[in-house]
Amino acid sequence: VKGVIRIRDISQSGVRFSVNSIPEFAVGDKLTI
């Protein structure tokens, strides 16, 4: 499953990003960005 994101902030340990709608994935899911 793929989608567009906008990265709002980034650090050495992770990112905070937004998606256009409520995501289908859940906490604990593995993503590739």
Full PDB file with SEQRES, HELIX, SHEET, SSBOND, CRYST1, ORIGX, SCALE, CONECT and MASTER records, all heavy atoms in Angstrom:
SEQRES   1 A   33  VAL LYS GLY VAL ILE ARG ILE ARG ASP ILE SER GLN SER          
SEQRES   2 A   33  GLY VAL ARG PHE SER VAL ASN SER ILE PRO GLU PHE ALA          
SEQRES   3 A   33  VAL GLY ASP LYS LEU THR ILE                                  
SHEET    1 AA1 2 ILE A   5  ILE A  10  0                                        
SHEET    2 AA1 2 VAL A  15  VAL A  19 -1                                        
CRYST1    1.000    1.000    1.000  90.00  90.00  90.00 P 1           1          
ORIGX1      1.000000  0.000000  0.000000        0.00000                         
ORIGX2      0.000000  1.000000  0.000000        0.00000                         
ORIGX3      0.000000  0.000000  1.000000        0.00000                         
SCALE1      1.000000  0.000000  0.000000        0.00000                         
SCALE2      0.000000  1.000000  0.000000        0.00000                         
SCALE3      0.000000  0.000000  1.000000        0.00000                         
ATOM      1  N   VAL A   1       0.872  -1.164   0.000  1.00  0.00           N  
ATOM      2  CA  VAL A   1       0.000   0.000   0.000  1.00  0.00           C  
ATOM      3  C   VAL A   1       0.912   1.217   0.000  1.00  0.00           C  
ATOM      4  O   VAL A   1       1.868   1.271   0.772  1.00  0.00           O  
ATOM      5  CB  VAL A   1      -0.917   0.004   1.241  1.00  0.00           C  
ATOM      6  CG1 VAL A   1      -1.734   1.272   1.310  1.00  0.00           C  
ATOM      7  CG2 VAL A   1      -1.795  -1.233   1.255  1.00  0.00           C  
ATOM      8  N   LYS A   2       0.643   2.187  -0.872  1.00  0.00           N  
ATOM      9  CA  LYS A   2       1.495   3.363  -0.992  1.00  0.00           C  
ATOM     10  C   LYS A   2       0.667   4.631  -0.834  1.00  0.00           C  
ATOM     11  O   LYS A   2      -0.532   4.625  -1.078  1.00  0.00           O  
ATOM     12  CB  LYS A   2       2.199   3.390  -2.348  1.00  0.00           C  
ATOM     13  CG  LYS A   2       3.144   2.232  -2.542  1.00  0.00           C  
ATOM     14  CD  LYS A   2       3.865   2.337  -3.854  1.00  0.00           C  
ATOM     15  CE  LYS A   2       4.851   1.175  -3.981  1.00  0.00           C  
ATOM     16  NZ  LYS A   2       5.737   1.341  -5.108  1.00  0.00           N  
ATOM     17  N   GLY A   3       1.360   5.704  -0.448  1.00  0.00           N  
ATOM     18  CA  GLY A   3       0.681   6.990  -0.320  1.00  0.00           C  
ATOM     19  C   GLY A   3       1.676   8.130  -0.243  1.00  0.00           C  
ATOM     20  O   GLY A   3       2.870   7.929  -0.015  1.00  0.00           O  
ATOM     21  N   VAL A   4       1.156   9.328  -0.412  1.00  0.00           N  
ATOM     22  CA  VAL A   4       1.959  10.545  -0.367  1.00  0.00           C  
ATOM     23  C   VAL A   4       2.025  11.058   1.067  1.00  0.00           C  
ATOM     24  O   VAL A   4       1.033  11.007   1.796  1.00  0.00           O  
ATOM     25  CB  VAL A   4       1.340  11.630  -1.286  1.00  0.00           C  
ATOM     26  CG1 VAL A   4       2.095  12.941  -1.193  1.00  0.00           C  
ATOM     27  CG2 VAL A   4       1.297  11.132  -2.725  1.00  0.00           C  
ATOM     28  N   ILE A   5       3.196  11.546   1.464  1.00  0.00           N  
ATOM     29  CA  ILE A   5       3.388  12.113   2.798  1.00  0.00           C  
ATOM     30  C   ILE A   5       4.056  13.476   2.688  1.00  0.00           C  
ATOM     31  O   ILE A   5       4.669  13.807   1.683  1.00  0.00           O  
ATOM     32  CB  ILE A   5       4.242  11.196   3.712  1.00  0.00           C  
ATOM     33  CG1 ILE A   5       5.650  11.001   3.137  1.00  0.00           C  
ATOM     34  CG2 ILE A   5       3.542   9.874   3.935  1.00  0.00           C  
ATOM     35  CD1 ILE A   5       6.588  10.234   4.056  1.00  0.00           C  
ATOM     36  N   ARG A   6       3.924  14.263   3.750  1.00  0.00           N  
ATOM     37  CA  ARG A   6       4.665  15.501   3.887  1.00  0.00           C  
ATOM     38  C   ARG A   6       5.402  15.421   5.221  1.00  0.00           C  
ATOM     39  O   ARG A   6       4.784  15.324   6.267  1.00  0.00           O  
ATOM     40  CB  ARG A   6       3.754  16.715   3.856  1.00  0.00           C  
ATOM     41  CG  ARG A   6       4.565  17.984   4.015  1.00  0.00           C  
ATOM     42  CD  ARG A   6       3.999  19.200   3.335  1.00  0.00           C  
ATOM     43  NE  ARG A   6       3.470  19.070   2.015  1.00  0.00           N  
ATOM     44  CZ  ARG A   6       4.147  19.364   0.898  1.00  0.00           C  
ATOM     45  NH1 ARG A   6       5.411  19.722   0.965  1.00  0.00           N  
ATOM     46  NH2 ARG A   6       3.559  19.270  -0.273  1.00  0.00           N  
ATOM     47  N   ILE A   7       6.736  15.409   5.154  1.00  0.00           N  
ATOM     48  CA  ILE A   7       7.557  15.297   6.353  1.00  0.00           C  
ATOM     49  C   ILE A   7       7.590  16.652   7.049  1.00  0.00           C  
ATOM     50  O   ILE A   7       8.020  17.647   6.473  1.00  0.00           O  
ATOM     51  CB  ILE A   7       8.970  14.813   5.993  1.00  0.00           C  
ATOM     52  CG1 ILE A   7       8.843  13.527   5.227  1.00  0.00           C  
ATOM     53  CG2 ILE A   7       9.842  14.766   7.238  1.00  0.00           C  
ATOM     54  CD1 ILE A   7       9.737  12.440   5.461  1.00  0.00           C  
ATOM     55  N   ARG A   8       7.116  16.683   8.289  1.00  0.00           N  
ATOM     56  CA  ARG A   8       6.999  17.924   9.062  1.00  0.00           C  
ATOM     57  C   ARG A   8       8.232  18.193   9.919  1.00  0.00           C  
ATOM     58  O   ARG A   8       8.598  19.331  10.126  1.00  0.00           O  
ATOM     59  CB  ARG A   8       5.759  17.891   9.948  1.00  0.00           C  
ATOM     60  CG  ARG A   8       4.472  17.687   9.174  1.00  0.00           C  
ATOM     61  CD  ARG A   8       4.283  18.779   8.169  1.00  0.00           C  
ATOM     62  NE  ARG A   8       3.013  18.601   7.464  1.00  0.00           N  
ATOM     63  CZ  ARG A   8       2.508  19.500   6.667  1.00  0.00           C  
ATOM     64  NH1 ARG A   8       3.153  20.627   6.439  1.00  0.00           N  
ATOM     65  NH2 ARG A   8       1.378  19.272   6.049  1.00  0.00           N  
ATOM     66  N   ASP A   9       8.815  17.138  10.456  1.00  0.00           N  
ATOM     67  CA  ASP A   9      10.095  17.275  11.153  1.00  0.00           C  
ATOM     68  C   ASP A   9      10.824  15.946  11.135  1.00  0.00           C  
ATOM     69  O   ASP A   9      10.225  14.900  10.916  1.00  0.00           O  
ATOM     70  CB  ASP A   9       9.961  17.852  12.567  1.00  0.00           C  
ATOM     71  CG  ASP A   9       9.164  16.993  13.524  1.00  0.00           C  
ATOM     72  OD1 ASP A   9       9.426  15.783  13.613  1.00  0.00           O  
ATOM     73  OD2 ASP A   9       8.296  17.550  14.210  1.00  0.00           O  
ATOM     74  N   ILE A  10      12.131  16.038  11.342  1.00  0.00           N  
ATOM     75  CA  ILE A  10      12.979  14.851  11.235  1.00  0.00           C  
ATOM     76  C   ILE A  10      14.067  14.925  12.295  1.00  0.00           C  
ATOM     77  O   ILE A  10      14.544  16.012  12.638  1.00  0.00           O  
ATOM     78  CB  ILE A  10      13.566  14.743   9.806  1.00  0.00           C  
ATOM     79  CG1 ILE A  10      14.272  13.422   9.594  1.00  0.00           C  
ATOM     80  CG2 ILE A  10      14.455  15.919   9.493  1.00  0.00           C  
ATOM     81  CD1 ILE A  10      14.575  13.134   8.135  1.00  0.00           C  
ATOM     82  N   SER A  11      14.423  13.783  12.836  1.00  0.00           N  
ATOM     83  CA  SER A  11      15.514  13.694  13.804  1.00  0.00           C  
ATOM     84  C   SER A  11      16.322  12.434  13.501  1.00  0.00           C  
ATOM     85  O   SER A  11      15.993  11.677  12.589  1.00  0.00           O  
ATOM     86  CB  SER A  11      14.977  13.636  15.235  1.00  0.00           C  
ATOM     87  OG  SER A  11      14.457  12.368  15.544  1.00  0.00           O  
ATOM     88  N   GLN A  12      17.327  12.214  14.290  1.00  0.00           N  
ATOM     89  CA  GLN A  12      18.165  11.028  14.119  1.00  0.00           C  
ATOM     90  C   GLN A  12      17.371   9.753  14.364  1.00  0.00           C  
ATOM     91  O   GLN A  12      17.640   8.722  13.769  1.00  0.00           O  
ATOM     92  CB  GLN A  12      19.346  11.109  15.087  1.00  0.00           C  
ATOM     93  CG  GLN A  12      20.367  10.034  14.900  1.00  0.00           C  
ATOM     94  CD  GLN A  12      21.559  10.224  15.826  1.00  0.00           C  
ATOM     95  OE1 GLN A  12      21.723  11.264  16.435  1.00  0.00           O  
ATOM     96  NE2 GLN A  12      22.377   9.208  15.937  1.00  0.00           N  
ATOM     97  N   SER A  13      16.346   9.842  15.200  1.00  0.00           N  
ATOM     98  CA  SER A  13      15.607   8.634  15.564  1.00  0.00           C  
ATOM     99  C   SER A  13      14.290   8.443  14.815  1.00  0.00           C  
ATOM    100  O   SER A  13      13.696   7.373  14.898  1.00  0.00           O  
ATOM    101  CB  SER A  13      15.335   8.618  17.070  1.00  0.00           C  
ATOM    102  OG  SER A  13      14.607   9.767  17.445  1.00  0.00           O  
ATOM    103  N   GLY A  14      13.817   9.470  14.083  1.00  0.00           N  
ATOM    104  CA  GLY A  14      12.560   9.283  13.373  1.00  0.00           C  
ATOM    105  C   GLY A  14      12.046  10.540  12.704  1.00  0.00           C  
ATOM    106  O   GLY A  14      12.732  11.554  12.636  1.00  0.00           O  
ATOM    107  N   VAL A  15      10.808  10.448  12.228  1.00  0.00           N  
ATOM    108  CA  VAL A  15      10.164  11.568  11.541  1.00  0.00           C  
ATOM    109  C   VAL A  15       8.731  11.719  12.026  1.00  0.00           C  
ATOM    110  O   VAL A  15       8.131  10.787  12.557  1.00  0.00           O  
ATOM    111  CB  VAL A  15      10.132  11.395  10.002  1.00  0.00           C  
ATOM    112  CG1 VAL A  15      11.501  11.379   9.414  1.00  0.00           C  
ATOM    113  CG2 VAL A  15       9.360  10.171   9.588  1.00  0.00           C  
ATOM    114  N   ARG A  16       8.213  12.917  11.825  1.00  0.00           N  
ATOM    115  CA  ARG A  16       6.784  13.173  11.988  1.00  0.00           C  
ATOM    116  C   ARG A  16       6.305  13.624  10.622  1.00  0.00           C  
ATOM    117  O   ARG A  16       6.868  14.536  10.019  1.00  0.00           O  
ATOM    118  CB  ARG A  16       6.520  14.251  13.029  1.00  0.00           C  
ATOM    119  CG  ARG A  16       5.039  14.491  13.289  1.00  0.00           C  
ATOM    120  CD  ARG A  16       4.818  15.441  14.458  1.00  0.00           C  
ATOM    121  NE  ARG A  16       5.423  16.731  14.219  1.00  0.00           N  
ATOM    122  CZ  ARG A  16       4.774  17.808  13.767  1.00  0.00           C  
ATOM    123  NH1 ARG A  16       3.489  17.735  13.495  1.00  0.00           N  
ATOM    124  NH2 ARG A  16       5.412  18.945  13.581  1.00  0.00           N  
ATOM    125  N   PHE A  17       5.276  12.947  10.105  1.00  0.00           N  
ATOM    126  CA  PHE A  17       4.768  13.302   8.794  1.00  0.00           C  
ATOM    127  C   PHE A  17       3.249  13.304   8.789  1.00  0.00           C  
ATOM    128  O   PHE A  17       2.609  12.750   9.677  1.00  0.00           O  
ATOM    129  CB  PHE A  17       5.319  12.378   7.700  1.00  0.00           C  
ATOM    130  CG  PHE A  17       4.923  10.932   7.801  1.00  0.00           C  
ATOM    131  CD1 PHE A  17       3.748  10.476   7.231  1.00  0.00           C  
ATOM    132  CD2 PHE A  17       5.743  10.012   8.439  1.00  0.00           C  
ATOM    133  CE1 PHE A  17       3.388   9.128   7.295  1.00  0.00           C  
ATOM    134  CE2 PHE A  17       5.403   8.667   8.509  1.00  0.00           C  
ATOM    135  CZ  PHE A  17       4.219   8.228   7.937  1.00  0.00           C  
ATOM    136  N   SER A  18       2.702  13.963   7.782  1.00  0.00           N  
ATOM    137  CA  SER A  18       1.249  13.986   7.627  1.00  0.00           C  
ATOM    138  C   SER A  18       0.869  13.252   6.351  1.00  0.00           C  
ATOM    139  O   SER A  18       1.653  13.153   5.410  1.00  0.00           O  
ATOM    140  CB  SER A  18       0.727  15.428   7.596  1.00  0.00           C  
ATOM    141  OG  SER A  18       1.285  16.135   6.516  1.00  0.00           O  
ATOM    142  N   VAL A  19      -0.356  12.717   6.365  1.00  0.00           N  
ATOM    143  CA  VAL A  19      -0.934  12.058   5.199  1.00  0.00           C  
ATOM    144  C   VAL A  19      -2.238  12.789   4.868  1.00  0.00           C  
ATOM    145  O   VAL A  19      -2.760  13.538   5.681  1.00  0.00           O  
ATOM    146  CB  VAL A  19      -1.184  10.551   5.455  1.00  0.00           C  
ATOM    147  CG1 VAL A  19       0.122   9.800   5.579  1.00  0.00           C  
ATOM    148  CG2 VAL A  19      -2.030  10.329   6.687  1.00  0.00           C  
ATOM    149  N   ASN A  20      -2.755  12.573   3.670  1.00  0.00           N  
ATOM    150  CA  ASN A  20      -3.940  13.303   3.219  1.00  0.00           C  
ATOM    151  C   ASN A  20      -5.237  12.855   3.887  1.00  0.00           C  
ATOM    152  O   ASN A  20      -6.200  13.602   3.908  1.00  0.00           O  
ATOM    153  CB  ASN A  20      -4.087  13.191   1.700  1.00  0.00           C  
ATOM    154  CG  ASN A  20      -2.999  13.954   0.982  1.00  0.00           C  
ATOM    155  OD1 ASN A  20      -2.445  14.909   1.506  1.00  0.00           O  
ATOM    156  ND2 ASN A  20      -2.677  13.522  -0.212  1.00  0.00           N  
ATOM    157  N   SER A  21      -5.273  11.630   4.391  1.00  0.00           N  
ATOM    158  CA  SER A  21      -6.491  11.124   5.022  1.00  0.00           C  
ATOM    159  C   SER A  21      -6.100  10.239   6.202  1.00  0.00           C  
ATOM    160  O   SER A  21      -4.928   9.976   6.424  1.00  0.00           O  
ATOM    161  CB  SER A  21      -7.321  10.334   4.012  1.00  0.00           C  
ATOM    162  OG  SER A  21      -6.579   9.243   3.526  1.00  0.00           O  
ATOM    163  N   ILE A  22      -7.087   9.787   6.930  1.00  0.00           N  
ATOM    164  CA  ILE A  22      -6.821   8.897   8.062  1.00  0.00           C  
ATOM    165  C   ILE A  22      -6.132   7.646   7.515  1.00  0.00           C  
ATOM    166  O   ILE A  22      -6.640   7.005   6.597  1.00  0.00           O  
ATOM    167  CB  ILE A  22      -8.125   8.524   8.798  1.00  0.00           C  
ATOM    168  CG1 ILE A  22      -8.854   9.787   9.267  1.00  0.00           C  
ATOM    169  CG2 ILE A  22      -7.833   7.581   9.958  1.00  0.00           C  
ATOM    170  CD1 ILE A  22      -8.065  10.650  10.245  1.00  0.00           C  
ATOM    171  N   PRO A  23      -4.979   7.285   8.071  1.00  0.00           N  
ATOM    172  CA  PRO A  23      -4.211   6.163   7.514  1.00  0.00           C  
ATOM    173  C   PRO A  23      -4.863   4.806   7.766  1.00  0.00           C  
ATOM    174  O   PRO A  23      -5.589   4.618   8.740  1.00  0.00           O  
ATOM    175  CB  PRO A  23      -2.874   6.261   8.243  1.00  0.00           C  
ATOM    176  CG  PRO A  23      -3.178   6.978   9.505  1.00  0.00           C  
ATOM    177  CD  PRO A  23      -4.311   7.917   9.194  1.00  0.00           C  
ATOM    178  N   GLU A  24      -4.551   3.871   6.872  1.00  0.00           N  
ATOM    179  CA  GLU A  24      -5.027   2.489   7.017  1.00  0.00           C  
ATOM    180  C   GLU A  24      -4.120   1.684   7.928  1.00  0.00           C  
ATOM    181  O   GLU A  24      -4.535   0.666   8.460  1.00  0.00           O  
ATOM    182  CB  GLU A  24      -5.087   1.817   5.645  1.00  0.00           C  
ATOM    183  CG  GLU A  24      -6.043   2.459   4.684  1.00  0.00           C  
ATOM    184  CD  GLU A  24      -5.982   1.813   3.312  1.00  0.00           C  
ATOM    185  OE1 GLU A  24      -5.656   0.612   3.215  1.00  0.00           O  
ATOM    186  OE2 GLU A  24      -6.257   2.518   2.330  1.00  0.00           O  
ATOM    187  N   PHE A  25      -2.868   2.108   8.088  1.00  0.00           N  
ATOM    188  CA  PHE A  25      -1.933   1.383   8.939  1.00  0.00           C  
ATOM    189  C   PHE A  25      -2.171   1.752  10.401  1.00  0.00           C  
ATOM    190  O   PHE A  25      -2.907   2.684  10.704  1.00  0.00           O  
ATOM    191  CB  PHE A  25      -0.475   1.635   8.522  1.00  0.00           C  
ATOM    192  CG  PHE A  25      -0.125   3.079   8.341  1.00  0.00           C  
ATOM    193  CD1 PHE A  25       0.172   3.885   9.434  1.00  0.00           C  
ATOM    194  CD2 PHE A  25      -0.076   3.638   7.084  1.00  0.00           C  
ATOM    195  CE1 PHE A  25       0.498   5.210   9.275  1.00  0.00           C  
ATOM    196  CE2 PHE A  25       0.259   4.973   6.900  1.00  0.00           C  
ATOM    197  CZ  PHE A  25       0.544   5.760   8.008  1.00  0.00           C  
ATOM    198  N   ALA A  26      -1.542   0.977  11.295  1.00  0.00           N  
ATOM    199  CA  ALA A  26      -1.757   1.143  12.734  1.00  0.00           C  
ATOM    200  C   ALA A  26      -0.414   1.264  13.458  1.00  0.00           C  
ATOM    201  O   ALA A  26       0.633   0.955  12.902  1.00  0.00           O  
ATOM    202  CB  ALA A  26      -2.534  -0.050  13.270  1.00  0.00           C  
ATOM    203  N   VAL A  27      -0.489   1.686  14.710  1.00  0.00           N  
ATOM    204  CA  VAL A  27       0.702   1.734  15.548  1.00  0.00           C  
ATOM    205  C   VAL A  27       1.304   0.330  15.594  1.00  0.00           C  
ATOM    206  O   VAL A  27       0.599  -0.657  15.748  1.00  0.00           O  
ATOM    207  CB  VAL A  27       0.349   2.227  16.971  1.00  0.00           C  
ATOM    208  CG1 VAL A  27       1.532   2.084  17.911  1.00  0.00           C  
ATOM    209  CG2 VAL A  27      -0.122   3.678  16.924  1.00  0.00           C  
ATOM    210  N   GLY A  28       2.609   0.258  15.383  1.00  0.00           N  
ATOM    211  CA  GLY A  28       3.317  -1.021  15.364  1.00  0.00           C  
ATOM    212  C   GLY A  28       3.592  -1.540  13.966  1.00  0.00           C  
ATOM    213  O   GLY A  28       4.406  -2.440  13.794  1.00  0.00           O  
ATOM    214  N   ASP A  29       2.916  -0.992  12.950  1.00  0.00           N  
ATOM    215  CA  ASP A  29       3.153  -1.429  11.570  1.00  0.00           C  
ATOM    216  C   ASP A  29       4.507  -0.934  11.082  1.00  0.00           C  
ATOM    217  O   ASP A  29       4.978   0.139  11.471  1.00  0.00           O  
ATOM    218  CB  ASP A  29       2.068  -0.906  10.629  1.00  0.00           C  
ATOM    219  CG  ASP A  29       0.763  -1.668  10.751  1.00  0.00           C  
ATOM    220  OD1 ASP A  29       0.756  -2.751  11.382  1.00  0.00           O  
ATOM    221  OD2 ASP A  29      -0.255  -1.184  10.213  1.00  0.00           O  
ATOM    222  N   LYS A  30       5.116  -1.719  10.196  1.00  0.00           N  
ATOM    223  CA  LYS A  30       6.400  -1.360   9.589  1.00  0.00           C  
ATOM    224  C   LYS A  30       6.141  -0.633   8.280  1.00  0.00           C  
ATOM    225  O   LYS A  30       5.379  -1.117   7.448  1.00  0.00           O  
ATOM    226  CB  LYS A  30       7.240  -2.605   9.337  1.00  0.00           C  
ATOM    227  CG  LYS A  30       7.619  -3.321  10.606  1.00  0.00           C  
ATOM    228  CD  LYS A  30       8.368  -4.605  10.299  1.00  0.00           C  
ATOM    229  CE  LYS A  30       8.635  -5.367  11.576  1.00  0.00           C  
ATOM    230  NZ  LYS A  30       9.294  -6.646  11.327  1.00  0.00           N  
ATOM    231  N   LEU A  31       6.775   0.532   8.120  1.00  0.00           N  
ATOM    232  CA  LEU A  31       6.636   1.335   6.913  1.00  0.00           C  
ATOM    233  C   LEU A  31       8.006   1.605   6.316  1.00  0.00           C  
ATOM    234  O   LEU A  31       9.010   1.613   7.039  1.00  0.00           O  
ATOM    235  CB  LEU A  31       6.022   2.700   7.230  1.00  0.00           C  
ATOM    236  CG  LEU A  31       4.514   2.863   7.153  1.00  0.00           C  
ATOM    237  CD1 LEU A  31       3.830   2.035   8.196  1.00  0.00           C  
ATOM    238  CD2 LEU A  31       4.152   4.320   7.302  1.00  0.00           C  
ATOM    239  N   THR A  32       8.033   1.850   5.036  1.00  0.00           N  
ATOM    240  CA  THR A  32       9.211   2.369   4.350  1.00  0.00           C  
ATOM    241  C   THR A  32       8.826   3.742   3.825  1.00  0.00           C  
ATOM    242  O   THR A  32       7.749   3.890   3.226  1.00  0.00           O  
ATOM    243  CB  THR A  32       9.630   1.457   3.188  1.00  0.00           C  
ATOM    244  OG1 THR A  32       9.971   0.174   3.713  1.00  0.00           O  
ATOM    245  CG2 THR A  32      10.826   2.033   2.444  1.00  0.00           C  
ATOM    246  N   ILE A  33       9.674   4.734   4.091  1.00  0.00           N  
ATOM    247  CA  ILE A  33       9.416   6.066   3.552  1.00  0.00           C  
ATOM    248  C   ILE A  33      10.552   6.456   2.620  1.00  0.00           C  
ATOM    249  O   ILE A  33      11.693   6.036   2.808  1.00  0.00           O  
ATOM    250  CB  ILE A  33       9.223   7.129   4.656  1.00  0.00           C  
ATOM    251  CG1 ILE A  33      10.456   7.240   5.548  1.00  0.00           C  
ATOM    252  CG2 ILE A  33       7.983   6.831   5.475  1.00  0.00           C  
ATOM    253  CD1 ILE A  33      10.426   8.435   6.491  1.00  0.00           C  
TER     254      ILE A  33                                                      
MASTER        0    0    0    0    2    0    0    6  253    1    0    3          
END                                                                             
